[in-house]
């Protein structure tokens, strides 16, 4: 049972490190995934003044 817990802990730490690496290196290798949407939104605004 202890070996299973150690294996799961190791895999969780490895997955966390992989997520951190993807967050830092991802924009360099996959810029399309990290780019914001590039659509312009224009909406009329009505200001109520007295």
Protein backbone atom coordinates (compact mmCIF):
# COMPACT_ATOMS: atom_id res chain seq x y z
CA UNK A 1 0.00 0.00 0.00
CA UNK A 2 2.87 2.36 0.82
CA UNK A 3 4.38 1.82 -2.67
CA UNK A 4 1.08 2.84 -4.26
CA UNK A 5 0.91 6.03 -2.20
CA UNK A 6 4.51 6.89 -3.07
CA UNK A 7 3.84 6.25 -6.76
CA UNK A 8 0.74 8.46 -6.74
CA UNK A 9 2.59 11.20 -4.88
CA UNK A 10 5.44 11.01 -7.38
CA UNK A 11 3.01 11.23 -10.31
CA UNK A 12 1.20 14.19 -8.74
CA UNK A 13 4.49 16.06 -8.27
CA UNK A 14 5.54 15.21 -11.82
CA UNK A 15 2.20 16.46 -13.18
CA UNK A 16 2.55 19.69 -11.20
CA UNK A 17 6.04 20.29 -12.57
CA UNK A 18 4.81 19.58 -16.10
CA UNK A 19 1.99 22.10 -15.67
CA UNK A 20 4.41 24.75 -14.43
CA UNK A 21 6.79 24.04 -17.33
CA UNK A 22 3.92 24.32 -19.81
CA UNK A 23 2.82 27.63 -18.30
CA UNK A 24 6.30 29.11 -18.67
CA UNK A 25 7.45 27.52 -21.94
CA UNK A 26 4.05 27.18 -23.62
CA UNK A 27 3.88 30.71 -25.06
CA UNK A 28 7.27 30.17 -26.70
CA UNK A 29 6.34 26.93 -28.45
CA UNK A 30 2.52 27.27 -28.79
CA UNK A 31 1.80 31.00 -29.19
CA UNK A 32 -1.64 30.38 -30.72
CA UNK A 33 -2.89 28.65 -27.59
CA UNK A 34 -1.93 31.59 -25.39
CA UNK A 35 -2.99 34.44 -27.68
CA UNK A 36 -6.03 36.48 -26.66
CA UNK A 37 -9.00 36.56 -29.02
CA UNK A 38 -8.46 39.27 -31.62
CA UNK A 39 -11.98 40.40 -32.40
CA UNK A 40 -13.00 43.99 -31.90
CA UNK A 41 -16.26 44.57 -30.05
CA UNK A 42 -18.06 47.88 -30.55
CA UNK A 43 -21.18 48.57 -28.51
CA UNK A 44 -23.07 51.81 -28.12
CA UNK A 45 -23.11 53.30 -24.64
CA UNK A 46 -25.95 55.49 -23.41
CA UNK A 47 -25.02 57.76 -20.54
CA UNK A 48 -27.90 59.02 -18.46
CA UNK A 49 -27.21 62.59 -17.45
CA UNK A 50 -29.40 65.13 -15.71
